[in-house]
């Protein structure tokens, strides 16, 4: 699977649907999950093996930054 942003994934997914309102909502929620995974992975990848950086800390950063 090629790497893509959550927005690119969402556009591709919605372009192939004739979605109902529920399908739009479900697809958008799935894109949000993908974006959170991408952000937390980037934080972990950028920690260069720092044992103090854990997935929990990365997820906490995401929640504090994007869930205000």
PDB file of N, CA and C in Angstrom:
ATOM      1  N   UNK A   1       0.844  -1.183   0.000  1.00  0.00           N
ATOM      2  CA  UNK A   1       0.000   0.000   0.000  1.00  0.00           C
ATOM      3  C   UNK A   1       0.888   1.245   0.000  1.00  0.00           C
ATOM      4  N   UNK A   2       0.571   2.189  -0.888  1.00  0.00           N
ATOM      5  CA  UNK A   2       1.355   3.418  -0.945  1.00  0.00           C
ATOM      6  C   UNK A   2       1.060   4.280   0.273  1.00  0.00           C
ATOM      7  N   UNK A   3       2.057   5.070   0.658  1.00  0.00           N
ATOM      8  CA  UNK A   3       1.847   5.992   1.762  1.00  0.00           C
ATOM      9  C   UNK A   3       1.004   7.154   1.261  1.00  0.00           C
ATOM     10  N   UNK A   4       0.068   7.567   2.076  1.00  0.00           N
ATOM     11  CA  UNK A   4      -0.752   8.713   1.726  1.00  0.00           C
ATOM     12  C   UNK A   4      -1.273   9.359   2.995  1.00  0.00           C
ATOM     13  N   UNK A   5      -1.612  10.623   2.881  1.00  0.00           N
ATOM     14  CA  UNK A   5      -2.170  11.319   4.037  1.00  0.00           C
ATOM     15  C   UNK A   5      -3.601  10.839   4.255  1.00  0.00           C
ATOM     16  N   UNK A   6      -4.120  11.122   5.423  1.00  0.00           N
ATOM     17  CA  UNK A   6      -5.506  10.755   5.719  1.00  0.00           C
ATOM     18  C   UNK A   6      -6.455  11.494   4.787  1.00  0.00           C
ATOM     19  N   UNK A   7      -6.120  12.712   4.419  1.00  0.00           N
ATOM     20  CA  UNK A   7      -6.967  13.479   3.504  1.00  0.00           C
ATOM     21  C   UNK A   7      -6.969  12.848   2.118  1.00  0.00           C
ATOM     22  N   UNK A   8      -5.792  12.453   1.619  1.00  0.00           N
ATOM     23  CA  UNK A   8      -5.725  11.770   0.322  1.00  0.00           C
ATOM     24  C   UNK A   8      -6.540  10.484   0.351  1.00  0.00           C
ATOM     25  N   UNK A   9      -6.406   9.725   1.441  1.00  0.00           N
ATOM     26  CA  UNK A   9      -7.163   8.492   1.597  1.00  0.00           C
ATOM     27  C   UNK A   9      -8.662   8.789   1.568  1.00  0.00           C
ATOM     28  N   UNK A  10      -9.080   9.832   2.298  1.00  0.00           N
ATOM     29  CA  UNK A  10     -10.493  10.193   2.379  1.00  0.00           C
ATOM     30  C   UNK A  10     -11.041  10.581   1.006  1.00  0.00           C
ATOM     31  N   UNK A  11     -10.311  11.391   0.275  1.00  0.00           N
ATOM     32  CA  UNK A  11     -10.749  11.807  -1.056  1.00  0.00           C
ATOM     33  C   UNK A  11     -10.898  10.593  -1.964  1.00  0.00           C
ATOM     34  N   UNK A  12      -9.912   9.704  -1.929  1.00  0.00           N
ATOM     35  CA  UNK A  12      -9.962   8.494  -2.754  1.00  0.00           C
ATOM     36  C   UNK A  12     -11.154   7.619  -2.381  1.00  0.00           C
ATOM     37  N   UNK A  13     -11.378   7.459  -1.101  1.00  0.00           N
ATOM     38  CA  UNK A  13     -12.466   6.617  -0.616  1.00  0.00           C
ATOM     39  C   UNK A  13     -13.832   7.201  -1.000  1.00  0.00           C
ATOM     40  N   UNK A  14     -14.003   8.484  -0.781  1.00  0.00           N
ATOM     41  CA  UNK A  14     -15.288   9.116  -1.078  1.00  0.00           C
ATOM     42  C   UNK A  14     -15.547   9.207  -2.581  1.00  0.00           C
ATOM     43  N   UNK A  15     -14.493   9.299  -3.366  1.00  0.00           N
ATOM     44  CA  UNK A  15     -14.659   9.366  -4.823  1.00  0.00           C
ATOM     45  C   UNK A  15     -15.242   8.066  -5.376  1.00  0.00           C
ATOM     46  N   UNK A  16     -15.028   6.969  -4.663  1.00  0.00           N
ATOM     47  CA  UNK A  16     -15.509   5.669  -5.108  1.00  0.00           C
ATOM     48  C   UNK A  16     -16.850   5.275  -4.486  1.00  0.00           C
ATOM     49  N   UNK A  17     -17.457   6.200  -3.756  1.00  0.00           N
ATOM     50  CA  UNK A  17     -18.730   5.917  -3.095  1.00  0.00           C
ATOM     51  C   UNK A  17     -19.827   6.822  -3.646  1.00  0.00           C
ATOM     52  N   UNK A  18     -21.015   6.366  -3.511  1.00  0.00           N
ATOM     53  CA  UNK A  18     -22.179   7.222  -3.641  1.00  0.00           C
ATOM     54  C   UNK A  18     -22.801   7.176  -2.248  1.00  0.00           C
ATOM     55  N   UNK A  19     -22.123   7.830  -1.312  1.00  0.00           N
ATOM     56  CA  UNK A  19     -22.415   7.584   0.101  1.00  0.00           C
ATOM     57  C   UNK A  19     -23.707   8.195   0.618  1.00  0.00           C
ATOM     58  N   UNK A  20     -24.239   7.478   1.581  1.00  0.00           N
ATOM     59  CA  UNK A  20     -25.340   8.017   2.365  1.00  0.00           C
ATOM     60  C   UNK A  20     -24.710   8.905   3.432  1.00  0.00           C
ATOM     61  N   UNK A  21     -25.524   9.617   4.155  1.00  0.00           N
ATOM     62  CA  UNK A  21     -25.007  10.471   5.218  1.00  0.00           C
ATOM     63  C   UNK A  21     -24.241   9.643   6.258  1.00  0.00           C
ATOM     64  N   UNK A  22     -24.732   8.464   6.577  1.00  0.00           N
ATOM     65  CA  UNK A  22     -24.065   7.602   7.555  1.00  0.00           C
ATOM     66  C   UNK A  22     -22.714   7.145   7.017  1.00  0.00           C
ATOM     67  N   UNK A  23     -22.658   6.762   5.737  1.00  0.00           N
ATOM     68  CA  UNK A  23     -21.392   6.324   5.150  1.00  0.00           C
ATOM     69  C   UNK A  23     -20.369   7.456   5.128  1.00  0.00           C
ATOM     70  N   UNK A  24     -20.818   8.676   4.841  1.00  0.00           N
ATOM     71  CA  UNK A  24     -19.911   9.829   4.882  1.00  0.00           C
ATOM     72  C   UNK A  24     -19.335   9.976   6.285  1.00  0.00           C
ATOM     73  N   UNK A  25     -20.208   9.927   7.286  1.00  0.00           N
ATOM     74  CA  UNK A  25     -19.775  10.088   8.677  1.00  0.00           C
ATOM     75  C   UNK A  25     -18.781   8.994   9.065  1.00  0.00           C
ATOM     76  N   UNK A  26     -19.097   7.746   8.736  1.00  0.00           N
ATOM     77  CA  UNK A  26     -18.207   6.630   9.074  1.00  0.00           C
ATOM     78  C   UNK A  26     -16.854   6.770   8.377  1.00  0.00           C
ATOM     79  N   UNK A  27     -16.861   7.178   7.126  1.00  0.00           N
ATOM     80  CA  UNK A  27     -15.618   7.318   6.368  1.00  0.00           C
ATOM     81  C   UNK A  27     -14.778   8.463   6.915  1.00  0.00           C
ATOM     82  N   UNK A  28     -15.413   9.556   7.270  1.00  0.00           N
ATOM     83  CA  UNK A  28     -14.684  10.687   7.858  1.00  0.00           C
ATOM     84  C   UNK A  28     -14.090  10.294   9.207  1.00  0.00           C
ATOM     85  N   UNK A  29     -14.829   9.564  10.016  1.00  0.00           N
ATOM     86  CA  UNK A  29     -14.303   9.102  11.307  1.00  0.00           C
ATOM     87  C   UNK A  29     -13.100   8.177  11.100  1.00  0.00           C
ATOM     88  N   UNK A  30     -13.161   7.316  10.097  1.00  0.00           N
ATOM     89  CA  UNK A  30     -12.039   6.425   9.810  1.00  0.00           C
ATOM     90  C   UNK A  30     -10.815   7.237   9.384  1.00  0.00           C
ATOM     91  N   UNK A  31     -11.024   8.298   8.616  1.00  0.00           N
ATOM     92  CA  UNK A  31      -9.919   9.173   8.209  1.00  0.00           C
ATOM     93  C   UNK A  31      -9.281   9.846   9.423  1.00  0.00           C
ATOM     94  N   UNK A  32     -10.099  10.223  10.397  1.00  0.00           N
ATOM     95  CA  UNK A  32      -9.562  10.826  11.623  1.00  0.00           C
ATOM     96  C   UNK A  32      -8.681   9.834  12.374  1.00  0.00           C
ATOM     97  N   UNK A  33      -9.084   8.582  12.407  1.00  0.00           N
ATOM     98  CA  UNK A  33      -8.290   7.543  13.063  1.00  0.00           C
ATOM     99  C   UNK A  33      -6.954   7.374  12.336  1.00  0.00           C
ATOM    100  N   UNK A  34      -7.008   7.338  11.007  1.00  0.00           N
ATOM    101  CA  UNK A  34      -5.773   7.221  10.220  1.00  0.00           C
ATOM    102  C   UNK A  34      -4.839   8.398  10.477  1.00  0.00           C
ATOM    103  N   UNK A  35      -5.394   9.597  10.565  1.00  0.00           N
ATOM    104  CA  UNK A  35      -4.570  10.779  10.806  1.00  0.00           C
ATOM    105  C   UNK A  35      -3.921  10.711  12.181  1.00  0.00           C
ATOM    106  N   UNK A  36      -4.670  10.264  13.185  1.00  0.00           N
ATOM    107  CA  UNK A  36      -4.095  10.123  14.525  1.00  0.00           C
ATOM    108  C   UNK A  36      -2.954   9.112  14.500  1.00  0.00           C
ATOM    109  N   UNK A  37      -3.146   7.993  13.807  1.00  0.00           N
ATOM    110  CA  UNK A  37      -2.084   6.986  13.693  1.00  0.00           C
ATOM    111  C   UNK A  37      -0.861   7.568  12.998  1.00  0.00           C
ATOM    112  N   UNK A  38      -1.074   8.352  11.943  1.00  0.00           N
ATOM    113  CA  UNK A  38       0.053   8.959  11.221  1.00  0.00           C
ATOM    114  C   UNK A  38       0.821   9.926  12.114  1.00  0.00           C
ATOM    115  N   UNK A  39       0.111  10.735  12.880  1.00  0.00           N
ATOM    116  CA  UNK A  39       0.763  11.713  13.747  1.00  0.00           C
ATOM    117  C   UNK A  39       1.524  11.025  14.867  1.00  0.00           C
ATOM    118  N   UNK A  40       0.912  10.054  15.530  1.00  0.00           N
ATOM    119  CA  UNK A  40       1.610   9.378  16.632  1.00  0.00           C
ATOM    120  C   UNK A  40       2.802   8.577  16.105  1.00  0.00           C
ATOM    121  N   UNK A  41       2.691   7.990  14.915  1.00  0.00           N
ATOM    122  CA  UNK A  41       3.821   7.272  14.321  1.00  0.00           C
ATOM    123  C   UNK A  41       4.953   8.241  14.000  1.00  0.00           C
ATOM    124  N   UNK A  42       4.620   9.417  13.485  1.00  0.00           N
ATOM    125  CA  UNK A  42       5.650  10.412  13.169  1.00  0.00           C
ATOM    126  C   UNK A  42       6.386  10.849  14.434  1.00  0.00           C
ATOM    127  N   UNK A  43       5.659  11.004  15.522  1.00  0.00           N
ATOM    128  CA  UNK A  43       6.288  11.382  16.785  1.00  0.00           C
ATOM    129  C   UNK A  43       7.245  10.285  17.236  1.00  0.00           C
ATOM    130  N   UNK A  44       6.781   9.043  17.188  1.00  0.00           N
ATOM    131  CA  UNK A  44       7.623   7.925  17.603  1.00  0.00           C
ATOM    132  C   UNK A  44       8.830   7.766  16.680  1.00  0.00           C
ATOM    133  N   UNK A  45       8.624   7.906  15.366  1.00  0.00           N
ATOM    134  CA  UNK A  45       9.731   7.799  14.418  1.00  0.00           C
ATOM    135  C   UNK A  45      10.749   8.913  14.645  1.00  0.00           C
ATOM    136  N   UNK A  46      10.268  10.081  15.014  1.00  0.00           N
ATOM    137  CA  UNK A  46      11.148  11.219  15.250  1.00  0.00           C
ATOM    138  C   UNK A  46      11.875  11.171  16.579  1.00  0.00           C
ATOM    139  N   UNK A  47      11.529  10.213  17.420  1.00  0.00           N
ATOM    140  CA  UNK A  47      12.182  10.122  18.731  1.00  0.00           C
ATOM    141  C   UNK A  47      13.524   9.416  18.646  1.00  0.00           C
ATOM    142  N   UNK A  48      13.831   8.842  17.486  1.00  0.00           N
ATOM    143  CA  UNK A  48      15.126   8.190  17.232  1.00  0.00           C
ATOM    144  C   UNK A  48      15.514   7.220  18.344  1.00  0.00           C
ATOM    145  N   UNK A  49      14.585   6.364  18.719  1.00  0.00           N
ATOM    146  CA  UNK A  49      14.881   5.332  19.703  1.00  0.00           C
ATOM    147  C   UNK A  49      14.905   5.815  21.139  1.00  0.00           C
ATOM    148  N   UNK A  50      14.453   7.025  21.391  1.00  0.00           N
ATOM    149  CA  UNK A  50      14.407   7.557  22.746  1.00  0.00           C
ATOM    150  C   UNK A  50      13.440   6.703  23.558  1.00  0.00           C
ATOM    151  N   UNK A  51      13.955   5.979  24.521  1.00  0.00           N
ATOM    152  CA  UNK A  51      13.123   5.058  25.288  1.00  0.00           C
ATOM    153  C   UNK A  51      12.080   5.790  26.142  1.00  0.00           C
ATOM    154  N   UNK A  52      12.251   7.081  26.333  1.00  0.00           N
ATOM    155  CA  UNK A  52      11.273   7.837  27.100  1.00  0.00           C
ATOM    156  C   UNK A  52      10.030   8.159  26.277  1.00  0.00           C
ATOM    157  N   UNK A  53      10.169   8.106  24.946  1.00  0.00           N
ATOM    158  CA  UNK A  53       9.023   8.390  24.075  1.00  0.00           C
ATOM    159  C   UNK A  53       8.261   7.091  23.850  1.00  0.00           C
ATOM    160  N   UNK A  54       7.070   7.038  24.368  1.00  0.00           N
ATOM    161  CA  UNK A  54       6.249   5.850  24.218  1.00  0.00           C
ATOM    162  C   UNK A  54       5.008   6.183  23.417  1.00  0.00           C
ATOM    163  N   UNK A  55       4.307   5.163  22.997  1.00  0.00           N
ATOM    164  CA  UNK A  55       3.065   5.380  22.264  1.00  0.00           C
ATOM    165  C   UNK A  55       2.072   6.154  23.134  1.00  0.00           C
ATOM    166  N   UNK A  56       2.058   5.904  24.416  1.00  0.00           N
ATOM    167  CA  UNK A  56       1.154   6.609  25.324  1.00  0.00           C
ATOM    168  C   UNK A  56       1.441   8.108  25.318  1.00  0.00           C
ATOM    169  N   UNK A  57       2.719   8.466  25.349  1.00  0.00           N
ATOM    170  CA  UNK A  57       3.099   9.883  25.327  1.00  0.00           C
ATOM    171  C   UNK A  57       2.725  10.501  23.987  1.00  0.00           C
ATOM    172  N   UNK A  58       2.959   9.767  22.902  1.00  0.00           N
ATOM    173  CA  UNK A  58       2.618  10.268  21.570  1.00  0.00           C
ATOM    174  C   UNK A  58       1.107  10.482  21.456  1.00  0.00           C
ATOM    175  N   UNK A  59       0.329   9.553  21.965  1.00  0.00           N
ATOM    176  CA  UNK A  59      -1.124   9.703  21.927  1.00  0.00           C
ATOM    177  C   UNK A  59      -1.592  10.849  22.819  1.00  0.00           C
ATOM    178  N   UNK A  60      -0.929  11.036  23.953  1.00  0.00           N
ATOM    179  CA  UNK A  60      -1.269  12.153  24.843  1.00  0.00           C
ATOM    180  C   UNK A  60      -1.000  13.476  24.126  1.00  0.00           C
ATOM    181  N   UNK A  61       0.139  13.556  23.422  1.00  0.00           N
ATOM    182  CA  UNK A  61       0.449  14.753  22.647  1.00  0.00           C
ATOM    183  C   UNK A  61      -0.661  15.020  21.629  1.00  0.00           C
ATOM    184  N   UNK A  62      -1.084  13.981  20.917  1.00  0.00           N
ATOM    185  CA  UNK A  62      -2.141  14.133  19.914  1.00  0.00           C
ATOM    186  C   UNK A  62      -3.416  14.665  20.564  1.00  0.00           C
ATOM    187  N   UNK A  63      -3.818  14.055  21.658  1.00  0.00           N
ATOM    188  CA  UNK A  63      -5.054  14.457  22.332  1.00  0.00           C
ATOM    189  C   UNK A  63      -4.976  15.917  22.794  1.00  0.00           C
ATOM    190  N   UNK A  64      -3.843  16.307  23.373  1.00  0.00           N
ATOM    191  CA  UNK A  64      -3.692  17.670  23.885  1.00  0.00           C
ATOM    192  C   UNK A  64      -3.626  18.684  22.747  1.00  0.00           C
ATOM    193  N   UNK A  65      -3.052  18.302  21.629  1.00  0.00           N
ATOM    194  CA  UNK A  65      -2.857  19.233  20.518  1.00  0.00           C
ATOM    195  C   UNK A  65      -4.070  19.342  19.616  1.00  0.00           C
ATOM    196  N   UNK A  66      -4.730  18.209  19.315  1.00  0.00           N
ATOM    197  CA  UNK A  66      -5.776  18.207  18.311  1.00  0.00           C
ATOM    198  C   UNK A  66      -7.190  17.994  18.846  1.00  0.00           C
ATOM    199  N   UNK A  67      -7.349  17.707  20.113  1.00  0.00           N
ATOM    200  CA  UNK A  67      -8.679  17.438  20.663  1.00  0.00           C
ATOM    201  C   UNK A  67      -9.137  18.518  21.630  1.00  0.00           C
ATOM    202  N   UNK A  68      -8.655  19.732  21.457  1.00  0.00           N
ATOM    203  CA  UNK A  68      -9.027  20.822  22.360  1.00  0.00           C
ATOM    204  C   UNK A  68     -10.448  21.237  22.172  1.00  0.00           C
TER     205      UNK A  68
END
